[in-house]
Amino acid sequence: MQNIRGQVAAQHLHQIAMWVYQDACPPANGCSLQPPPLDSSGTPDIAVWQYAQSPRRKEITASCSKTYATDGNCYAPDLPNFPLDLSVSGSADPSHGR
């Protein structure tokens, strides 16, 4: 992550929105529509954090396994046939339309 930021600065490129993927519980809270705070991802200065995925990775999500369906996927309550990945952002449009 720091290497990417360094390259952007060294080449005088436009700022980029950093997206991280970290579904280990903790810091993630599993398949929950109540997202964890963005700053608890473990990576500073990010725009988006994907904190849950379908299917869950059993080896790193054991402590939040009860938040997932029995098949290991994450679903919205009213959409049981559509496995979800869940993310949280500090902005409604973290890439600013790029």
N, C-alpha and C. Protein backbone atom coordinates (compact mmCIF):
# COMPACT_ATOMS: atom_id res chain seq x y z
N MET A 1 0.83 -1.17 0.00
CA MET A 1 0.00 0.00 0.00
C MET A 1 0.88 1.25 0.00
N GLN A 2 1.89 1.28 0.86
CA GLN A 2 2.78 2.44 0.92
C GLN A 2 3.55 2.59 -0.38
N ASN A 3 3.91 1.48 -1.02
CA ASN A 3 4.61 1.54 -2.30
C ASN A 3 3.74 2.21 -3.36
N ILE A 4 2.48 1.88 -3.39
CA ILE A 4 1.56 2.50 -4.35
C ILE A 4 1.46 4.00 -4.09
N ARG A 5 1.27 4.36 -2.84
CA ARG A 5 1.19 5.79 -2.50
C ARG A 5 2.47 6.52 -2.87
N GLY A 6 3.62 5.88 -2.64
CA GLY A 6 4.91 6.48 -3.00
C GLY A 6 5.04 6.69 -4.49
N GLN A 7 4.60 5.74 -5.30
CA GLN A 7 4.66 5.87 -6.75
C GLN A 7 3.76 6.99 -7.25
N VAL A 8 2.58 7.10 -6.67
CA VAL A 8 1.66 8.18 -7.05
C VAL A 8 2.29 9.54 -6.77
N ALA A 9 2.90 9.68 -5.59
CA ALA A 9 3.53 10.96 -5.22
C ALA A 9 4.75 11.24 -6.10
N ALA A 10 5.60 10.24 -6.31
CA ALA A 10 6.83 10.44 -7.08
C ALA A 10 6.55 10.82 -8.53
N GLN A 11 5.48 10.29 -9.09
CA GLN A 11 5.16 10.56 -10.49
C GLN A 11 4.15 11.70 -10.64
N HIS A 12 3.82 12.34 -9.54
CA HIS A 12 2.89 13.47 -9.55
C HIS A 12 1.56 13.11 -10.20
N LEU A 13 1.06 11.93 -9.88
CA LEU A 13 -0.22 11.48 -10.40
C LEU A 13 -1.34 12.04 -9.53
N HIS A 14 -2.58 11.96 -10.03
CA HIS A 14 -3.71 12.41 -9.23
C HIS A 14 -3.91 11.47 -8.05
N GLN A 15 -4.53 11.98 -7.01
CA GLN A 15 -4.81 11.16 -5.84
C GLN A 15 -5.69 9.98 -6.23
N ILE A 16 -5.48 8.87 -5.57
CA ILE A 16 -6.28 7.69 -5.84
C ILE A 16 -7.02 7.27 -4.58
N ALA A 17 -8.18 6.67 -4.77
CA ALA A 17 -8.96 6.14 -3.65
C ALA A 17 -8.46 4.72 -3.38
N MET A 18 -8.04 4.47 -2.15
CA MET A 18 -7.52 3.16 -1.79
C MET A 18 -8.65 2.30 -1.22
N TRP A 19 -8.79 1.11 -1.78
CA TRP A 19 -9.77 0.12 -1.35
C TRP A 19 -8.99 -1.03 -0.75
N VAL A 20 -9.38 -1.47 0.46
CA VAL A 20 -8.72 -2.62 1.07
C VAL A 20 -9.73 -3.72 1.32
N TYR A 21 -9.20 -4.92 1.34
CA TYR A 21 -9.98 -6.12 1.57
C TYR A 21 -9.43 -6.74 2.84
N GLN A 22 -10.23 -6.81 3.89
CA GLN A 22 -9.81 -7.39 5.16
C GLN A 22 -11.04 -7.96 5.84
N ASP A 23 -11.26 -9.27 5.67
CA ASP A 23 -12.45 -9.88 6.23
C ASP A 23 -12.18 -10.74 7.46
N ALA A 24 -10.95 -10.71 7.97
CA ALA A 24 -10.64 -11.47 9.19
C ALA A 24 -11.41 -10.88 10.37
N CYS A 25 -11.94 -11.76 11.20
CA CYS A 25 -12.70 -11.34 12.38
C CYS A 25 -11.87 -11.56 13.63
N PRO A 26 -11.54 -10.57 14.38
CA PRO A 26 -11.57 -9.15 14.08
C PRO A 26 -10.42 -8.77 13.15
N PRO A 27 -10.41 -7.61 12.58
CA PRO A 27 -11.20 -6.43 12.90
C PRO A 27 -12.58 -6.40 12.25
N ALA A 28 -12.80 -7.20 11.21
CA ALA A 28 -14.12 -7.24 10.58
C ALA A 28 -15.13 -7.83 11.55
N ASN A 29 -16.39 -7.52 11.33
CA ASN A 29 -17.44 -8.06 12.20
C ASN A 29 -18.34 -9.06 11.47
N GLY A 30 -17.89 -9.54 10.32
CA GLY A 30 -18.64 -10.57 9.60
C GLY A 30 -19.76 -10.01 8.76
N CYS A 31 -20.71 -10.89 8.47
CA CYS A 31 -21.84 -10.54 7.62
C CYS A 31 -22.85 -9.74 8.44
N SER A 32 -22.61 -8.46 8.51
CA SER A 32 -23.47 -7.58 9.30
C SER A 32 -23.76 -6.33 8.49
N LEU A 33 -25.02 -5.94 8.47
CA LEU A 33 -25.39 -4.71 7.78
C LEU A 33 -25.04 -3.48 8.62
N GLN A 34 -24.49 -3.71 9.82
CA GLN A 34 -23.96 -2.64 10.66
C GLN A 34 -22.44 -2.68 10.48
N PRO A 35 -21.91 -1.91 9.54
CA PRO A 35 -20.48 -2.01 9.23
C PRO A 35 -19.60 -1.54 10.38
N PRO A 36 -18.39 -2.09 10.45
CA PRO A 36 -17.44 -1.61 11.45
C PRO A 36 -16.95 -0.21 11.04
N PRO A 37 -16.38 0.53 11.96
CA PRO A 37 -15.83 1.84 11.60
C PRO A 37 -14.71 1.69 10.56
N LEU A 38 -14.70 2.55 9.58
CA LEU A 38 -13.72 2.50 8.50
C LEU A 38 -12.29 2.50 9.04
N ASP A 39 -12.04 3.26 10.08
CA ASP A 39 -10.68 3.36 10.60
C ASP A 39 -10.23 2.15 11.41
N SER A 40 -11.10 1.16 11.62
CA SER A 40 -10.68 -0.04 12.33
C SER A 40 -10.18 -1.13 11.38
N SER A 41 -10.05 -0.82 10.10
CA SER A 41 -9.59 -1.81 9.11
C SER A 41 -8.14 -2.22 9.31
N GLY A 42 -7.36 -1.37 9.96
CA GLY A 42 -5.94 -1.66 10.13
C GLY A 42 -5.07 -1.00 9.08
N THR A 43 -5.67 -0.34 8.11
CA THR A 43 -4.93 0.36 7.07
C THR A 43 -5.33 1.84 7.11
N PRO A 44 -4.36 2.73 7.32
CA PRO A 44 -4.72 4.15 7.41
C PRO A 44 -5.06 4.77 6.06
N ASP A 45 -5.88 5.80 6.09
CA ASP A 45 -6.18 6.64 4.92
C ASP A 45 -6.75 5.87 3.74
N ILE A 46 -7.75 5.04 4.00
CA ILE A 46 -8.40 4.32 2.91
C ILE A 46 -9.76 4.95 2.62
N ALA A 47 -10.27 4.67 1.45
CA ALA A 47 -11.59 5.17 1.05
C ALA A 47 -12.67 4.12 1.25
N VAL A 48 -12.31 2.84 1.05
CA VAL A 48 -13.29 1.74 1.12
C VAL A 48 -12.65 0.53 1.78
N TRP A 49 -13.44 -0.17 2.59
CA TRP A 49 -13.00 -1.40 3.23
C TRP A 49 -14.04 -2.48 2.97
N GLN A 50 -13.64 -3.54 2.28
CA GLN A 50 -14.51 -4.70 2.13
C GLN A 50 -14.29 -5.58 3.35
N TYR A 51 -15.31 -5.70 4.19
CA TYR A 51 -15.17 -6.40 5.46
C TYR A 51 -15.86 -7.77 5.50
N ALA A 52 -16.58 -8.14 4.47
CA ALA A 52 -17.21 -9.47 4.40
C ALA A 52 -17.27 -9.92 2.96
N GLN A 53 -17.12 -11.22 2.77
CA GLN A 53 -17.20 -11.77 1.42
C GLN A 53 -18.00 -13.07 1.44
N SER A 54 -18.49 -13.44 0.27
CA SER A 54 -19.20 -14.70 0.09
C SER A 54 -18.47 -15.53 -0.95
N PRO A 55 -18.17 -16.78 -0.63
CA PRO A 55 -18.34 -17.40 0.68
C PRO A 55 -17.26 -16.94 1.65
N ARG A 56 -17.55 -17.08 2.92
CA ARG A 56 -16.59 -16.66 3.94
C ARG A 56 -15.38 -17.57 3.91
N ARG A 57 -14.25 -17.03 4.35
CA ARG A 57 -13.03 -17.83 4.48
C ARG A 57 -12.99 -18.37 5.90
N LYS A 58 -13.31 -19.64 6.04
CA LYS A 58 -13.50 -20.26 7.36
C LYS A 58 -12.31 -20.10 8.29
N GLU A 59 -11.10 -20.16 7.74
CA GLU A 59 -9.91 -20.11 8.59
C GLU A 59 -9.70 -18.76 9.28
N ILE A 60 -10.28 -17.70 8.76
CA ILE A 60 -10.07 -16.38 9.37
C ILE A 60 -11.35 -15.72 9.86
N THR A 61 -12.48 -16.40 9.68
CA THR A 61 -13.76 -15.81 10.12
C THR A 61 -14.46 -16.66 11.17
N ALA A 62 -13.72 -17.52 11.83
CA ALA A 62 -14.33 -18.42 12.82
C ALA A 62 -15.05 -17.66 13.94
N SER A 63 -14.47 -16.55 14.39
CA SER A 63 -15.08 -15.84 15.52
C SER A 63 -16.35 -15.09 15.15
N CYS A 64 -16.62 -14.93 13.86
CA CYS A 64 -17.87 -14.27 13.45
C CYS A 64 -18.70 -15.18 12.54
N SER A 65 -18.46 -16.47 12.60
CA SER A 65 -19.13 -17.41 11.69
C SER A 65 -20.65 -17.39 11.82
N LYS A 66 -21.16 -17.09 13.00
CA LYS A 66 -22.62 -17.09 13.21
C LYS A 66 -23.31 -15.96 12.48
N THR A 67 -22.56 -14.98 11.97
CA THR A 67 -23.18 -13.89 11.23
C THR A 67 -23.45 -14.28 9.78
N TYR A 68 -22.86 -15.38 9.33
CA TYR A 68 -23.04 -15.88 7.96
C TYR A 68 -24.11 -16.96 7.93
N ALA A 69 -24.69 -17.19 6.75
CA ALA A 69 -25.67 -18.27 6.57
C ALA A 69 -24.95 -19.62 6.70
N THR A 70 -25.71 -20.68 6.88
CA THR A 70 -25.12 -22.00 7.07
C THR A 70 -24.31 -22.46 5.87
N ASP A 71 -24.58 -21.92 4.68
CA ASP A 71 -23.79 -22.30 3.51
C ASP A 71 -22.50 -21.49 3.39
N GLY A 72 -22.25 -20.61 4.37
CA GLY A 72 -21.02 -19.82 4.38
C GLY A 72 -21.10 -18.50 3.64
N ASN A 73 -22.25 -18.21 3.06
CA ASN A 73 -22.40 -16.96 2.32
C ASN A 73 -23.04 -15.88 3.19
N CYS A 74 -22.95 -14.68 2.71
CA CYS A 74 -23.55 -13.51 3.35
C CYS A 74 -24.74 -13.08 2.49
N TYR A 75 -25.88 -12.88 3.12
CA TYR A 75 -27.09 -12.49 2.40
C TYR A 75 -27.75 -11.31 3.10
N ALA A 76 -28.41 -10.46 2.34
CA ALA A 76 -29.27 -9.44 2.92
C ALA A 76 -30.54 -10.14 3.38
N PRO A 77 -31.17 -9.68 4.44
CA PRO A 77 -32.35 -10.37 4.98
C PRO A 77 -33.45 -10.65 3.96
N ASP A 78 -33.71 -9.74 3.05
CA ASP A 78 -34.80 -9.92 2.10
C ASP A 78 -34.36 -10.50 0.75
N LEU A 79 -33.08 -10.84 0.61
CA LEU A 79 -32.54 -11.37 -0.65
C LEU A 79 -31.74 -12.65 -0.40
N PRO A 80 -32.41 -13.72 0.03
CA PRO A 80 -31.68 -14.93 0.42
C PRO A 80 -31.02 -15.69 -0.74
N ASN A 81 -31.24 -15.29 -1.97
CA ASN A 81 -30.66 -16.00 -3.10
C ASN A 81 -29.50 -15.25 -3.75
N PHE A 82 -29.08 -14.15 -3.14
CA PHE A 82 -28.01 -13.33 -3.72
C PHE A 82 -26.86 -13.17 -2.72
N PRO A 83 -25.80 -13.99 -2.86
CA PRO A 83 -24.66 -13.84 -1.96
C PRO A 83 -24.02 -12.46 -2.11
N LEU A 84 -23.62 -11.89 -0.99
CA LEU A 84 -23.08 -10.53 -0.98
C LEU A 84 -21.65 -10.47 -0.48
N ASP A 85 -20.93 -9.47 -0.93
CA ASP A 85 -19.72 -8.98 -0.29
C ASP A 85 -20.13 -7.65 0.30
N LEU A 86 -19.63 -7.31 1.48
CA LEU A 86 -20.02 -6.07 2.13
C LEU A 86 -18.82 -5.15 2.30
N SER A 87 -19.03 -3.87 2.05
CA SER A 87 -17.99 -2.86 2.16
C SER A 87 -18.53 -1.66 2.91
N VAL A 88 -17.61 -0.87 3.45
CA VAL A 88 -17.96 0.38 4.09
C VAL A 88 -17.06 1.46 3.50
N SER A 89 -17.62 2.65 3.37
CA SER A 89 -16.88 3.77 2.80
C SER A 89 -17.15 5.03 3.61
N GLY A 90 -16.22 5.94 3.57
CA GLY A 90 -16.42 7.24 4.22
C GLY A 90 -17.13 8.22 3.33
N SER A 91 -17.49 7.79 2.10
CA SER A 91 -18.11 8.67 1.13
C SER A 91 -19.14 7.90 0.31
N ALA A 92 -20.15 8.59 -0.17
CA ALA A 92 -21.14 7.95 -1.04
C ALA A 92 -20.54 7.61 -2.41
N ASP A 93 -19.49 8.31 -2.79
CA ASP A 93 -18.82 8.11 -4.09
C ASP A 93 -17.30 8.16 -3.89
N PRO A 94 -16.70 7.09 -3.33
CA PRO A 94 -15.29 7.14 -2.96
C PRO A 94 -14.33 7.30 -4.13
N SER A 95 -14.72 6.93 -5.34
CA SER A 95 -13.82 7.11 -6.49
C SER A 95 -14.06 8.43 -7.20
N HIS A 96 -15.04 9.19 -6.72
CA HIS A 96 -15.37 10.51 -7.28
C HIS A 96 -15.62 10.45 -8.79
N GLY A 97 -16.34 9.42 -9.21
CA GLY A 97 -16.75 9.31 -10.60
C GLY A 97 -15.66 8.97 -11.59
N ARG A 98 -14.55 8.45 -11.13
CA ARG A 98 -13.45 8.09 -12.03
C ARG A 98 -13.64 6.70 -12.56
